[in-house]
Amino acid sequence: MNGYKHIFFDLDQTIWDFETNSREALIELSDKYEFAAKGIKSTPQFLAEYFSINEKMWEYYRKGLIDKNTLRYARFELTLKKFGINNKQLAEGIANDYMLIAPQKTNMFPHTMETLDYLKPKYTLHIITNGFEDSQHVKIRNCGIQHYFNQIITSERAGFRKPDIRIFQYSLNVTNACAVNSIMIGDSMEADVIGARDAGINQVYFNPSGKSHTENITYEIRSLKELRTLL
């Protein structure tokens, strides 16, 4: 492990707790938009439908099948339709408010700060994220972690989305790193692990829920604190 100089982190669901923060934001919006009065009697059911649809929409976005605006709005429009609500204006209102509220949330995964404190003096840290340029910087700033990272590389900035190897090549170029002295840490098997592996970069699969898989990966952890042993 002594050969590593650069550590690349994913942000959402690796450092920033996407599910918890999204849930908090959506619960606030369920009150503001009076979901119950519109026929959405169960907020947990709405959340379950949203998270399922959102995951599919992000997959389409990674593959270049939809653009940023489609992802932002269609996930809410499709979720509302699950409850018999066909209201594009309502979906757009929820989507716009969500993009303002969710990035303000600051829930991070356990042991994030102590792990970054440990790694910062030893390695040069960066972020590679498929998240939107505007919202990702808000998340990082509000969580107070911007000083840990030398480069914040978004897919919008790079022009490519994980798992496209070109975003990893771009990241290596702008950080003056090379594949052999770099390692990628992320929660997405497809975007982070396989993407980095295809680019010749070693990987740490952050797998807190213990999802089963058959992929050949460099390392796997259930908690960020395990990085102190690996690195």
Protein backbone atom coordinates (compact mmCIF):
# COMPACT_ATOMS: atom_id res chain seq x y z
CA MET A 1 0.00 0.00 0.00
CA ASN A 2 3.00 2.35 0.41
CA GLY A 3 3.07 2.91 -3.35
CA TYR A 4 -0.16 4.91 -3.32
CA LYS A 5 0.06 8.67 -3.50
CA HIS A 6 -3.41 9.70 -4.69
CA ILE A 7 -6.75 8.56 -3.28
CA PHE A 8 -9.91 9.23 -5.28
CA PHE A 9 -13.21 9.13 -3.40
CA ASP A 10 -16.72 8.93 -4.73
CA LEU A 11 -19.01 11.39 -2.90
CA ASP A 12 -22.64 10.25 -2.84
CA GLN A 13 -23.25 7.16 -0.73
CA THR A 14 -19.52 6.88 0.02
CA ILE A 15 -18.91 10.04 2.05
CA TRP A 16 -22.18 11.98 1.80
CA ASP A 17 -25.09 9.82 2.98
CA PHE A 18 -27.30 10.23 -0.06
CA GLU A 19 -30.20 8.10 1.14
CA THR A 20 -30.49 9.71 4.57
CA ASN A 21 -30.13 13.23 3.23
CA SER A 22 -32.58 12.61 0.40
CA ARG A 23 -35.09 11.09 2.80
CA GLU A 24 -34.92 14.11 5.10
CA ALA A 25 -35.38 16.50 2.17
CA LEU A 26 -38.33 14.56 0.76
CA ILE A 27 -40.07 14.40 4.12
CA GLU A 28 -39.82 18.20 4.32
CA LEU A 29 -41.27 18.46 0.82
CA SER A 30 -44.09 16.06 1.65
CA ASP A 31 -45.25 18.59 4.22
CA LYS A 32 -44.73 21.63 2.02
CA TYR A 33 -46.62 20.16 -0.92
CA GLU A 34 -49.25 18.46 1.25
CA PHE A 35 -48.76 15.00 -0.19
CA ALA A 36 -51.52 13.50 1.97
CA ALA A 37 -54.09 15.97 0.61
CA LYS A 38 -53.07 15.03 -2.93
CA GLY A 39 -53.69 11.34 -2.31
CA ILE A 40 -50.22 10.24 -1.21
CA LYS A 41 -51.23 8.78 2.14
CA SER A 42 -47.93 7.02 2.88
CA THR A 43 -44.72 9.03 2.80
CA PRO A 44 -42.62 5.85 3.28
CA GLN A 45 -44.28 4.37 0.20
CA PHE A 46 -43.54 7.55 -1.76
CA LEU A 47 -39.91 7.37 -0.65
CA ALA A 48 -39.63 3.72 -1.68
CA GLU A 49 -41.06 4.46 -5.13
CA TYR A 50 -38.83 7.49 -5.55
CA PHE A 51 -35.61 5.73 -4.59
CA SER A 52 -36.37 2.86 -6.98
CA ILE A 53 -37.11 5.21 -9.87
CA ASN A 54 -34.19 7.50 -9.03
CA GLU A 55 -31.76 4.58 -9.14
CA LYS A 56 -32.98 3.60 -12.60
CA MET A 57 -32.82 7.18 -13.84
CA TRP A 58 -29.25 7.56 -12.61
CA GLU A 59 -28.35 4.37 -14.48
CA TYR A 60 -29.82 5.86 -17.65
CA TYR A 61 -27.86 9.08 -17.01
CA ARG A 62 -24.57 7.20 -16.51
CA LYS A 63 -25.15 5.44 -19.81
CA GLY A 64 -25.87 8.72 -21.60
CA LEU A 65 -29.48 7.76 -22.35
CA ILE A 66 -30.94 10.86 -20.67
CA ASP A 67 -29.60 14.32 -19.91
CA LYS A 68 -29.30 16.24 -16.65
CA ASN A 69 -32.64 18.02 -16.86
CA THR A 70 -34.52 14.85 -17.70
CA LEU A 71 -33.00 13.14 -14.67
CA ARG A 72 -33.82 16.06 -12.38
CA TYR A 73 -37.49 16.29 -13.29
CA ALA A 74 -38.60 12.94 -14.69
CA ARG A 75 -37.80 11.02 -11.50
CA PHE A 76 -40.40 13.08 -9.63
CA GLU A 77 -42.91 13.08 -12.46
CA LEU A 78 -42.71 9.28 -12.71
CA THR A 79 -42.97 8.87 -8.93
CA LEU A 80 -46.09 11.03 -8.78
CA LYS A 81 -47.66 8.98 -11.58
CA LYS A 82 -47.26 5.89 -9.39
CA PHE A 83 -49.85 7.55 -7.12
CA GLY A 84 -52.14 8.56 -9.96
CA ILE A 85 -50.91 12.16 -10.07
CA ASN A 86 -50.17 13.42 -13.58
CA ASN A 87 -48.98 16.95 -12.86
CA LYS A 88 -45.81 18.12 -14.55
CA GLN A 89 -45.87 21.51 -12.84
CA LEU A 90 -46.03 19.87 -9.41
CA ALA A 91 -43.17 17.54 -10.33
CA GLU A 92 -41.04 20.48 -11.44
CA GLY A 93 -41.77 22.38 -8.23
CA ILE A 94 -40.77 19.43 -6.08
CA ALA A 95 -37.66 18.82 -8.19
CA ASN A 96 -36.50 22.43 -7.94
CA ASP A 97 -37.02 22.54 -4.19
CA TYR A 98 -35.34 19.19 -3.75
CA MET A 99 -32.23 20.45 -5.52
CA LEU A 100 -32.14 23.40 -3.11
CA ILE A 101 -32.84 21.47 0.09
CA ALA A 102 -31.03 18.13 -0.30
CA PRO A 103 -27.50 19.51 -0.84
CA GLN A 104 -27.87 21.51 2.37
CA LYS A 105 -28.08 18.27 4.37
CA THR A 106 -24.90 17.20 6.12
CA ASN A 107 -25.31 13.55 7.10
CA MET A 108 -22.13 11.63 6.31
CA PHE A 109 -21.23 8.00 6.75
CA PRO A 110 -19.80 6.97 10.13
CA HIS A 111 -16.07 7.54 10.61
CA THR A 112 -15.82 9.94 7.64
CA MET A 113 -14.07 12.77 9.47
CA GLU A 114 -11.64 10.63 11.46
CA THR A 115 -10.76 8.70 8.31
CA LEU A 116 -10.11 11.85 6.30
CA ASP A 117 -8.07 13.24 9.19
CA TYR A 118 -5.97 10.09 9.12
CA LEU A 119 -5.50 10.00 5.34
CA LYS A 120 -4.93 13.70 4.62
CA PRO A 121 -1.33 13.91 5.92
CA LYS A 122 -0.32 10.73 4.10
CA TYR A 123 -1.96 11.03 0.68
CA THR A 124 -3.34 13.56 -1.78
CA LEU A 125 -7.12 13.21 -1.73
CA HIS A 126 -9.56 13.94 -4.54
CA ILE A 127 -13.21 13.33 -5.41
CA ILE A 128 -14.61 11.90 -8.64
CA THR A 129 -18.40 12.17 -8.80
CA ASN A 130 -21.19 11.82 -11.33
CA GLY A 131 -23.23 14.29 -9.29
CA PHE A 132 -24.07 17.71 -10.65
CA GLU A 133 -21.40 20.41 -10.50
CA ASP A 134 -23.53 22.93 -8.62
CA SER A 135 -24.96 20.61 -5.96
CA GLN A 136 -21.78 18.63 -5.24
CA HIS A 137 -19.81 21.70 -4.23
CA VAL A 138 -22.66 22.79 -1.96
CA LYS A 139 -22.66 19.38 -0.24
CA ILE A 140 -18.91 19.43 0.28
CA ARG A 141 -18.87 23.00 1.58
CA ASN A 142 -21.79 22.50 3.96
CA CYS A 143 -20.22 19.34 5.37
CA GLY A 144 -17.00 21.28 6.00
CA ILE A 145 -14.79 18.81 4.15
CA GLN A 146 -13.58 20.90 1.20
CA HIS A 147 -10.12 21.37 2.72
CA TYR A 148 -9.42 17.64 2.60
CA PHE A 149 -9.56 17.45 -1.21
CA ASN A 150 -7.17 18.81 -3.77
CA GLN A 151 -9.46 18.29 -6.77
CA ILE A 152 -13.25 17.93 -6.99
CA ILE A 153 -13.87 16.30 -10.37
CA THR A 154 -17.46 16.10 -11.53
CA SER A 155 -18.69 14.35 -14.64
CA GLU A 156 -19.88 17.73 -15.95
CA ARG A 157 -16.39 19.16 -15.58
CA ALA A 158 -14.71 16.13 -17.14
CA GLY A 159 -17.23 15.68 -19.93
CA PHE A 160 -17.58 11.96 -19.16
CA ARG A 161 -19.43 9.94 -16.54
CA LYS A 162 -18.25 7.01 -14.49
CA PRO A 163 -17.75 4.19 -15.42
CA ASP A 164 -16.36 5.65 -18.68
CA ILE A 165 -12.60 5.23 -18.38
CA ARG A 166 -12.14 8.71 -19.83
CA ILE A 167 -13.29 10.38 -16.60
CA PHE A 168 -10.62 8.42 -14.74
CA GLN A 169 -8.00 9.33 -17.35
CA TYR A 170 -9.07 12.96 -17.10
CA SER A 171 -8.79 12.78 -13.31
CA LEU A 172 -5.30 11.33 -13.47
CA ASN A 173 -4.23 14.09 -15.85
CA VAL A 174 -5.58 17.03 -13.83
CA THR A 175 -4.13 15.67 -10.58
CA ASN A 176 -0.73 14.74 -12.05
CA ALA A 177 -1.32 11.19 -10.83
CA CYS A 178 -0.82 7.89 -12.57
CA ALA A 179 -2.85 4.71 -12.37
CA VAL A 180 -0.24 2.69 -10.50
CA ASN A 181 0.02 5.15 -7.61
CA SER A 182 -3.71 5.81 -7.31
CA ILE A 183 -6.68 4.05 -5.75
CA MET A 184 -10.44 4.65 -6.10
CA ILE A 185 -12.92 4.27 -3.23
CA GLY A 186 -16.63 4.07 -3.97
CA ASP A 187 -19.93 2.35 -3.31
CA SER A 188 -20.98 1.64 -6.90
CA MET A 189 -19.67 -1.61 -8.31
CA GLU A 190 -20.32 -0.47 -11.87
CA ALA A 191 -19.38 3.20 -11.72
CA ASP A 192 -16.56 3.25 -9.18
CA VAL A 193 -15.05 -0.22 -8.99
CA ILE A 194 -15.37 -1.59 -12.50
CA GLY A 195 -14.81 1.86 -14.00
CA ALA A 196 -11.56 2.33 -12.08
CA ARG A 197 -10.47 -1.24 -12.75
CA ASP A 198 -10.95 -0.78 -16.50
CA ALA A 199 -8.80 2.35 -16.26
CA GLY A 200 -6.02 0.37 -14.56
CA ILE A 201 -6.62 1.86 -11.11
CA ASN A 202 -6.87 -0.25 -7.96
CA GLN A 203 -10.17 -0.06 -6.13
CA VAL A 204 -11.77 -0.20 -2.71
CA TYR A 205 -15.40 -1.29 -2.86
CA PHE A 206 -17.32 0.43 -0.05
CA ASN A 207 -20.03 -2.11 0.67
CA PRO A 208 -21.64 -1.33 4.04
CA SER A 209 -24.70 -3.49 3.39
CA GLY A 210 -22.64 -6.51 2.34
CA LYS A 211 -24.09 -6.89 -1.17
CA SER A 212 -23.02 -10.14 -2.80
CA HIS A 213 -21.01 -10.01 -6.01
CA THR A 214 -18.61 -12.07 -8.10
CA GLU A 215 -16.37 -9.28 -9.38
CA ASN A 216 -12.60 -9.43 -9.02
CA ILE A 217 -11.74 -6.29 -7.03
CA THR A 218 -8.69 -5.07 -5.14
CA TYR A 219 -10.22 -4.45 -1.70
CA GLU A 220 -13.63 -4.42 -0.06
CA ILE A 221 -14.70 -2.69 3.14
CA ARG A 222 -17.89 -2.46 5.18
CA SER A 223 -16.87 0.67 7.10
CA LEU A 224 -14.71 3.66 6.24
CA LYS A 225 -12.67 3.10 9.39
CA GLU A 226 -11.23 -0.02 7.71
CA LEU A 227 -9.27 2.32 5.44
CA ARG A 228 -6.95 3.01 8.35
CA THR A 229 -5.86 -0.62 8.21
CA LEU A 230 -5.63 -0.80 4.42
CA LEU A 231 -3.88 2.55 3.96
